[in-house]
């Protein structure tokens, strides 16, 4: 299992047991959903690239001008 699968499995077991103790159907359903997701997440397709998160761009390699080049140039 992947690390995320184990995490969701543990969360599902916790919410399922907590829902039985509290007798809350919403928490039981949430725990069941986590359990189901933990088993089926392996076969899910990898998410697409996030277009809203900017990527780090490396500065382009520009030729640095030396001081002697700057002084020698005329405008």
PDB file of N, CA and C in Angstrom:
ATOM      1  N   UNK A   1       0.831  -1.194   0.000  1.00  0.00           N
ATOM      2  CA  UNK A   1       0.000   0.000   0.000  1.00  0.00           C
ATOM      3  C   UNK A   1       0.869   1.248   0.000  1.00  0.00           C
ATOM      4  N   UNK A   2       0.352   2.277  -0.581  1.00  0.00           N
ATOM      5  CA  UNK A   2       1.052   3.550  -0.553  1.00  0.00           C
ATOM      6  C   UNK A   2       0.849   4.204   0.810  1.00  0.00           C
ATOM      7  N   UNK A   3       1.636   5.216   1.077  1.00  0.00           N
ATOM      8  CA  UNK A   3       1.532   5.899   2.356  1.00  0.00           C
ATOM      9  C   UNK A   3       0.167   6.562   2.521  1.00  0.00           C
ATOM     10  N   UNK A   4      -0.338   7.154   1.448  1.00  0.00           N
ATOM     11  CA  UNK A   4      -1.628   7.830   1.531  1.00  0.00           C
ATOM     12  C   UNK A   4      -2.763   6.822   1.753  1.00  0.00           C
ATOM     13  N   UNK A   5      -2.624   5.633   1.235  1.00  0.00           N
ATOM     14  CA  UNK A   5      -3.645   4.616   1.427  1.00  0.00           C
ATOM     15  C   UNK A   5      -3.752   4.227   2.890  1.00  0.00           C
ATOM     16  N   UNK A   6      -2.635   4.065   3.552  1.00  0.00           N
ATOM     17  CA  UNK A   6      -2.643   3.692   4.966  1.00  0.00           C
ATOM     18  C   UNK A   6      -3.241   4.817   5.798  1.00  0.00           C
ATOM     19  N   UNK A   7      -2.908   6.042   5.452  1.00  0.00           N
ATOM     20  CA  UNK A   7      -3.446   7.182   6.180  1.00  0.00           C
ATOM     21  C   UNK A   7      -4.974   7.224   6.065  1.00  0.00           C
ATOM     22  N   UNK A   8      -5.495   7.051   4.855  1.00  0.00           N
ATOM     23  CA  UNK A   8      -6.943   7.074   4.682  1.00  0.00           C
ATOM     24  C   UNK A   8      -7.604   5.862   5.321  1.00  0.00           C
ATOM     25  N   UNK A   9      -6.922   4.728   5.329  1.00  0.00           N
ATOM     26  CA  UNK A   9      -7.453   3.543   5.982  1.00  0.00           C
ATOM     27  C   UNK A   9      -7.593   3.780   7.484  1.00  0.00           C
ATOM     28  N   UNK A  10      -6.573   4.348   8.099  1.00  0.00           N
ATOM     29  CA  UNK A  10      -6.638   4.638   9.528  1.00  0.00           C
ATOM     30  C   UNK A  10      -7.696   5.694   9.844  1.00  0.00           C
ATOM     31  N   UNK A  11      -7.802   6.703   9.000  1.00  0.00           N
ATOM     32  CA  UNK A  11      -8.835   7.718   9.213  1.00  0.00           C
ATOM     33  C   UNK A  11     -10.226   7.113   9.087  1.00  0.00           C
ATOM     34  N   UNK A  12     -10.399   6.213   8.119  1.00  0.00           N
ATOM     35  CA  UNK A  12     -11.701   5.571   7.931  1.00  0.00           C
ATOM     36  C   UNK A  12     -12.078   4.706   9.115  1.00  0.00           C
ATOM     37  N   UNK A  13     -11.126   3.936   9.637  1.00  0.00           N
ATOM     38  CA  UNK A  13     -11.413   3.102  10.803  1.00  0.00           C
ATOM     39  C   UNK A  13     -11.753   3.973  12.012  1.00  0.00           C
ATOM     40  N   UNK A  14     -10.993   5.051  12.196  1.00  0.00           N
ATOM     41  CA  UNK A  14     -11.259   5.949  13.322  1.00  0.00           C
ATOM     42  C   UNK A  14     -12.655   6.555  13.229  1.00  0.00           C
ATOM     43  N   UNK A  15     -13.002   7.110  12.073  1.00  0.00           N
ATOM     44  CA  UNK A  15     -14.308   7.752  11.926  1.00  0.00           C
ATOM     45  C   UNK A  15     -15.447   6.735  12.013  1.00  0.00           C
ATOM     46  N   UNK A  16     -15.229   5.534  11.511  1.00  0.00           N
ATOM     47  CA  UNK A  16     -16.251   4.509  11.588  1.00  0.00           C
ATOM     48  C   UNK A  16     -16.513   4.115  13.043  1.00  0.00           C
ATOM     49  N   UNK A  17     -15.454   3.874  13.793  1.00  0.00           N
ATOM     50  CA  UNK A  17     -15.628   3.535  15.210  1.00  0.00           C
ATOM     51  C   UNK A  17     -16.202   4.702  16.008  1.00  0.00           C
ATOM     52  N   UNK A  18     -15.725   5.901  15.739  1.00  0.00           N
ATOM     53  CA  UNK A  18     -16.242   7.083  16.433  1.00  0.00           C
ATOM     54  C   UNK A  18     -17.710   7.313  16.104  1.00  0.00           C
ATOM     55  N   UNK A  19     -18.082   7.036  14.859  1.00  0.00           N
ATOM     56  CA  UNK A  19     -19.482   7.176  14.477  1.00  0.00           C
ATOM     57  C   UNK A  19     -20.377   6.162  15.170  1.00  0.00           C
ATOM     58  N   UNK A  20     -19.889   4.934  15.370  1.00  0.00           N
ATOM     59  CA  UNK A  20     -20.666   3.937  16.092  1.00  0.00           C
ATOM     60  C   UNK A  20     -20.822   4.314  17.566  1.00  0.00           C
ATOM     61  N   UNK A  21     -19.759   4.874  18.154  1.00  0.00           N
ATOM     62  CA  UNK A  21     -19.819   5.279  19.559  1.00  0.00           C
ATOM     63  C   UNK A  21     -20.786   6.446  19.734  1.00  0.00           C
ATOM     64  N   UNK A  22     -20.698   7.432  18.839  1.00  0.00           N
ATOM     65  CA  UNK A  22     -21.558   8.624  18.930  1.00  0.00           C
ATOM     66  C   UNK A  22     -22.943   8.402  18.332  1.00  0.00           C
ATOM     67  N   UNK A  23     -23.110   7.293  17.623  1.00  0.00           N
ATOM     68  CA  UNK A  23     -24.371   6.965  16.923  1.00  0.00           C
ATOM     69  C   UNK A  23     -24.754   8.075  15.942  1.00  0.00           C
ATOM     70  N   UNK A  24     -23.753   8.511  15.205  1.00  0.00           N
ATOM     71  CA  UNK A  24     -23.963   9.564  14.220  1.00  0.00           C
ATOM     72  C   UNK A  24     -23.830   8.969  12.816  1.00  0.00           C
ATOM     73  N   UNK A  25     -24.921   8.983  12.051  1.00  0.00           N
ATOM     74  CA  UNK A  25     -24.852   8.387  10.708  1.00  0.00           C
ATOM     75  C   UNK A  25     -23.914   9.142   9.764  1.00  0.00           C
ATOM     76  N   UNK A  26     -23.780  10.451   9.955  1.00  0.00           N
ATOM     77  CA  UNK A  26     -22.899  11.221   9.077  1.00  0.00           C
ATOM     78  C   UNK A  26     -21.439  10.800   9.253  1.00  0.00           C
ATOM     79  N   UNK A  27     -21.019  10.617  10.491  1.00  0.00           N
ATOM     80  CA  UNK A  27     -19.631  10.221  10.757  1.00  0.00           C
ATOM     81  C   UNK A  27     -19.390   8.791  10.278  1.00  0.00           C
ATOM     82  N   UNK A  28     -20.399   7.926  10.403  1.00  0.00           N
ATOM     83  CA  UNK A  28     -20.261   6.550   9.911  1.00  0.00           C
ATOM     84  C   UNK A  28     -20.092   6.544   8.391  1.00  0.00           C
ATOM     85  N   UNK A  29     -20.871   7.376   7.709  1.00  0.00           N
ATOM     86  CA  UNK A  29     -20.763   7.466   6.245  1.00  0.00           C
ATOM     87  C   UNK A  29     -19.401   8.023   5.851  1.00  0.00           C
ATOM     88  N   UNK A  30     -18.923   9.016   6.588  1.00  0.00           N
ATOM     89  CA  UNK A  30     -17.606   9.589   6.283  1.00  0.00           C
ATOM     90  C   UNK A  30     -16.513   8.536   6.486  1.00  0.00           C
ATOM     91  N   UNK A  31     -16.611   7.755   7.547  1.00  0.00           N
ATOM     92  CA  UNK A  31     -15.632   6.704   7.786  1.00  0.00           C
ATOM     93  C   UNK A  31     -15.667   5.648   6.702  1.00  0.00           C
ATOM     94  N   UNK A  32     -16.867   5.282   6.268  1.00  0.00           N
ATOM     95  CA  UNK A  32     -16.991   4.318   5.172  1.00  0.00           C
ATOM     96  C   UNK A  32     -16.411   4.854   3.875  1.00  0.00           C
ATOM     97  N   UNK A  33     -16.624   6.152   3.642  1.00  0.00           N
ATOM     98  CA  UNK A  33     -16.072   6.764   2.421  1.00  0.00           C
ATOM     99  C   UNK A  33     -14.549   6.748   2.444  1.00  0.00           C
ATOM    100  N   UNK A  34     -13.956   7.032   3.598  1.00  0.00           N
ATOM    101  CA  UNK A  34     -12.498   6.964   3.707  1.00  0.00           C
ATOM    102  C   UNK A  34     -11.997   5.545   3.483  1.00  0.00           C
ATOM    103  N   UNK A  35     -12.703   4.557   4.022  1.00  0.00           N
ATOM    104  CA  UNK A  35     -12.292   3.164   3.826  1.00  0.00           C
ATOM    105  C   UNK A  35     -12.355   2.767   2.353  1.00  0.00           C
ATOM    106  N   UNK A  36     -13.441   3.133   1.693  1.00  0.00           N
ATOM    107  CA  UNK A  36     -13.593   2.806   0.270  1.00  0.00           C
ATOM    108  C   UNK A  36     -12.504   3.491  -0.548  1.00  0.00           C
ATOM    109  N   UNK A  37     -12.247   4.767  -0.248  1.00  0.00           N
ATOM    110  CA  UNK A  37     -11.210   5.498  -0.991  1.00  0.00           C
ATOM    111  C   UNK A  37      -9.836   4.881  -0.782  1.00  0.00           C
ATOM    112  N   UNK A  38      -9.566   4.405   0.425  1.00  0.00           N
ATOM    113  CA  UNK A  38      -8.237   3.846   0.695  1.00  0.00           C
ATOM    114  C   UNK A  38      -7.977   2.586  -0.126  1.00  0.00           C
ATOM    115  N   UNK A  39      -9.011   1.846  -0.478  1.00  0.00           N
ATOM    116  CA  UNK A  39      -8.818   0.640  -1.276  1.00  0.00           C
ATOM    117  C   UNK A  39      -8.829   0.911  -2.777  1.00  0.00           C
ATOM    118  N   UNK A  40      -9.585   1.910  -3.215  1.00  0.00           N
ATOM    119  CA  UNK A  40      -9.691   2.180  -4.648  1.00  0.00           C
ATOM    120  C   UNK A  40      -8.754   3.264  -5.145  1.00  0.00           C
ATOM    121  N   UNK A  41      -8.016   3.921  -4.266  1.00  0.00           N
ATOM    122  CA  UNK A  41      -7.161   5.022  -4.707  1.00  0.00           C
ATOM    123  C   UNK A  41      -5.974   4.538  -5.531  1.00  0.00           C
ATOM    124  N   UNK A  42      -5.585   3.267  -5.396  1.00  0.00           N
ATOM    125  CA  UNK A  42      -4.474   2.743  -6.195  1.00  0.00           C
ATOM    126  C   UNK A  42      -4.818   2.729  -7.681  1.00  0.00           C
ATOM    127  N   UNK A  43      -6.051   2.389  -7.996  1.00  0.00           N
ATOM    128  CA  UNK A  43      -6.428   2.256  -9.401  1.00  0.00           C
ATOM    129  C   UNK A  43      -6.847   3.581 -10.027  1.00  0.00           C
ATOM    130  N   UNK A  44      -6.886   4.648  -9.241  1.00  0.00           N
ATOM    131  CA  UNK A  44      -7.286   5.944  -9.785  1.00  0.00           C
ATOM    132  C   UNK A  44      -6.165   6.528 -10.627  1.00  0.00           C
ATOM    133  N   UNK A  45      -6.544   7.339 -11.578  1.00  0.00           N
ATOM    134  CA  UNK A  45      -5.588   7.975 -12.475  1.00  0.00           C
ATOM    135  C   UNK A  45      -4.892   9.105 -11.723  1.00  0.00           C
ATOM    136  N   UNK A  46      -3.615   9.305 -12.021  1.00  0.00           N
ATOM    137  CA  UNK A  46      -2.871  10.397 -11.413  1.00  0.00           C
ATOM    138  C   UNK A  46      -3.529  11.727 -11.791  1.00  0.00           C
ATOM    139  N   UNK A  47      -3.578  12.674 -10.871  1.00  0.00           N
ATOM    140  CA  UNK A  47      -4.196  13.959 -11.181  1.00  0.00           C
ATOM    141  C   UNK A  47      -3.400  14.718 -12.230  1.00  0.00           C
ATOM    142  N   UNK A  48      -4.109  15.560 -12.974  1.00  0.00           N
ATOM    143  CA  UNK A  48      -3.453  16.357 -14.002  1.00  0.00           C
ATOM    144  C   UNK A  48      -2.638  17.464 -13.351  1.00  0.00           C
ATOM    145  N   UNK A  49      -1.839  18.101 -14.154  1.00  0.00           N
ATOM    146  CA  UNK A  49      -0.992  19.188 -13.684  1.00  0.00           C
ATOM    147  C   UNK A  49      -1.868  20.341 -13.200  1.00  0.00           C
ATOM    148  N   UNK A  50      -1.521  20.908 -12.061  1.00  0.00           N
ATOM    149  CA  UNK A  50      -2.262  22.024 -11.507  1.00  0.00           C
ATOM    150  C   UNK A  50      -1.847  23.306 -12.231  1.00  0.00           C
ATOM    151  N   UNK A  51      -2.778  23.883 -12.984  1.00  0.00           N
ATOM    152  CA  UNK A  51      -2.475  25.076 -13.764  1.00  0.00           C
ATOM    153  C   UNK A  51      -2.456  26.327 -12.889  1.00  0.00           C
ATOM    154  N   UNK A  52      -3.075  26.274 -11.720  1.00  0.00           N
ATOM    155  CA  UNK A  52      -3.166  27.443 -10.866  1.00  0.00           C
ATOM    156  C   UNK A  52      -1.937  27.609  -9.972  1.00  0.00           C
ATOM    157  N   UNK A  53      -1.123  26.577  -9.861  1.00  0.00           N
ATOM    158  CA  UNK A  53       0.079  26.658  -9.039  1.00  0.00           C
ATOM    159  C   UNK A  53       1.256  27.016  -9.942  1.00  0.00           C
ATOM    160  N   UNK A  54       1.853  28.161  -9.728  1.00  0.00           N
ATOM    161  CA  UNK A  54       2.958  28.562 -10.610  1.00  0.00           C
ATOM    162  C   UNK A  54       4.184  27.693 -10.391  1.00  0.00           C
ATOM    163  N   UNK A  55       4.911  27.471 -11.467  1.00  0.00           N
ATOM    164  CA  UNK A  55       6.139  26.690 -11.395  1.00  0.00           C
ATOM    165  C   UNK A  55       7.317  27.637 -11.188  1.00  0.00           C
ATOM    166  N   UNK A  56       8.338  27.116 -10.585  1.00  0.00           N
ATOM    167  CA  UNK A  56       9.546  27.904 -10.437  1.00  0.00           C
ATOM    168  C   UNK A  56      10.289  27.919 -11.761  1.00  0.00           C
ATOM    169  N   UNK A  57      10.615  29.088 -12.205  1.00  0.00           N
ATOM    170  CA  UNK A  57      11.349  29.211 -13.459  1.00  0.00           C
ATOM    171  C   UNK A  57      12.759  29.658 -13.133  1.00  0.00           C
ATOM    172  N   UNK A  58      13.699  28.956 -13.678  1.00  0.00           N
ATOM    173  CA  UNK A  58      15.077  29.344 -13.480  1.00  0.00           C
ATOM    174  C   UNK A  58      15.392  30.535 -14.365  1.00  0.00           C
ATOM    175  N   UNK A  59      16.236  31.401 -13.858  1.00  0.00           N
ATOM    176  CA  UNK A  59      16.602  32.575 -14.643  1.00  0.00           C
ATOM    177  C   UNK A  59      17.325  32.134 -15.898  1.00  0.00           C
ATOM    178  N   UNK A  60      17.002  32.799 -16.982  1.00  0.00           N
ATOM    179  CA  UNK A  60      17.653  32.430 -18.236  1.00  0.00           C
ATOM    180  C   UNK A  60      19.133  32.788 -18.155  1.00  0.00           C
ATOM    181  N   UNK A  61      19.916  32.016 -18.854  1.00  0.00           N
ATOM    182  CA  UNK A  61      21.357  32.228 -18.825  1.00  0.00           C
ATOM    183  C   UNK A  61      21.712  33.371 -19.773  1.00  0.00           C
ATOM    184  N   UNK A  62      21.871  34.533 -19.187  1.00  0.00           N
ATOM    185  CA  UNK A  62      22.255  35.697 -19.975  1.00  0.00           C
ATOM    186  C   UNK A  62      23.749  35.918 -19.799  1.00  0.00           C
ATOM    187  N   UNK A  63      24.338  36.403 -20.826  1.00  0.00           N
ATOM    188  CA  UNK A  63      25.764  36.701 -20.755  1.00  0.00           C
ATOM    189  C   UNK A  63      25.920  37.972 -19.938  1.00  0.00           C
ATOM    190  N   UNK A  64      26.657  37.854 -18.843  1.00  0.00           N
ATOM    191  CA  UNK A  64      26.861  39.023 -17.995  1.00  0.00           C
ATOM    192  C   UNK A  64      27.932  39.910 -18.625  1.00  0.00           C
ATOM    193  N   UNK A  65      27.601  41.183 -18.658  1.00  0.00           N
ATOM    194  CA  UNK A  65      28.543  42.132 -19.227  1.00  0.00           C
ATOM    195  C   UNK A  65      29.519  42.564 -18.146  1.00  0.00           C
ATOM    196  N   UNK A  66      30.738  42.642 -18.503  1.00  0.00           N
ATOM    197  CA  UNK A  66      31.733  43.122 -17.553  1.00  0.00           C
ATOM    198  C   UNK A  66      31.736  44.641 -17.560  1.00  0.00           C
ATOM    199  N   UNK A  67      32.383  45.231 -16.585  1.00  0.00           N
ATOM    200  CA  UNK A  67      32.404  46.692 -16.500  1.00  0.00           C
ATOM    201  C   UNK A  67      33.143  47.298 -17.687  1.00  0.00           C
ATOM    202  N   UNK A  68      34.133  46.598 -18.165  1.00  0.00           N
ATOM    203  CA  UNK A  68      34.890  47.153 -19.290  1.00  0.00           C
ATOM    204  C   UNK A  68      34.028  47.187 -20.546  1.00  0.00           C
ATOM    205  N   UNK A  69      33.124  46.187 -20.709  1.00  0.00           N
ATOM    206  CA  UNK A  69      32.234  46.200 -21.865  1.00  0.00           C
ATOM    207  C   UNK A  69      31.241  47.341 -21.780  1.00  0.00           C
ATOM    208  N   UNK A  70      30.771  47.630 -20.573  1.00  0.00           N
ATOM    209  CA  UNK A  70      29.785  48.687 -20.416  1.00  0.00           C
ATOM    210  C   UNK A  70      30.399  50.070 -20.681  1.00  0.00           C
ATOM    211  N   UNK A  71      31.644  50.247 -20.242  1.00  0.00           N
ATOM    212  CA  UNK A  71      32.310  51.536 -20.440  1.00  0.00           C
ATOM    213  C   UNK A  71      32.670  51.766 -21.913  1.00  0.00           C
ATOM    214  N   UNK A  72      32.997  50.709 -22.608  1.00  0.00           N
ATOM    215  CA  UNK A  72      33.434  50.834 -23.978  1.00  0.00           C
ATOM    216  C   UNK A  72      32.300  51.093 -24.962  1.00  0.00           C
ATOM    217  N   UNK A  73      31.099  50.799 -24.571  1.00  0.00           N
ATOM    218  CA  UNK A  73      29.953  50.989 -25.480  1.00  0.00           C
ATOM    219  C   UNK A  73      29.526  52.434 -25.497  1.00  0.00           C
ATOM    220  N   UNK A  74      29.091  52.840 -26.676  1.00  0.00           N
ATOM    221  CA  UNK A  74      28.546  54.199 -26.815  1.00  0.00           C
ATOM    222  C   UNK A  74      27.072  54.070 -27.167  1.00  0.00           C
ATOM    223  N   UNK A  75      26.322  55.010 -26.670  1.00  0.00           N
ATOM    224  CA  UNK A  75      24.865  54.983 -26.905  1.00  0.00           C
ATOM    225  C   UNK A  75      24.480  55.604 -28.196  1.00  0.00           C
TER     226      UNK A  75
END
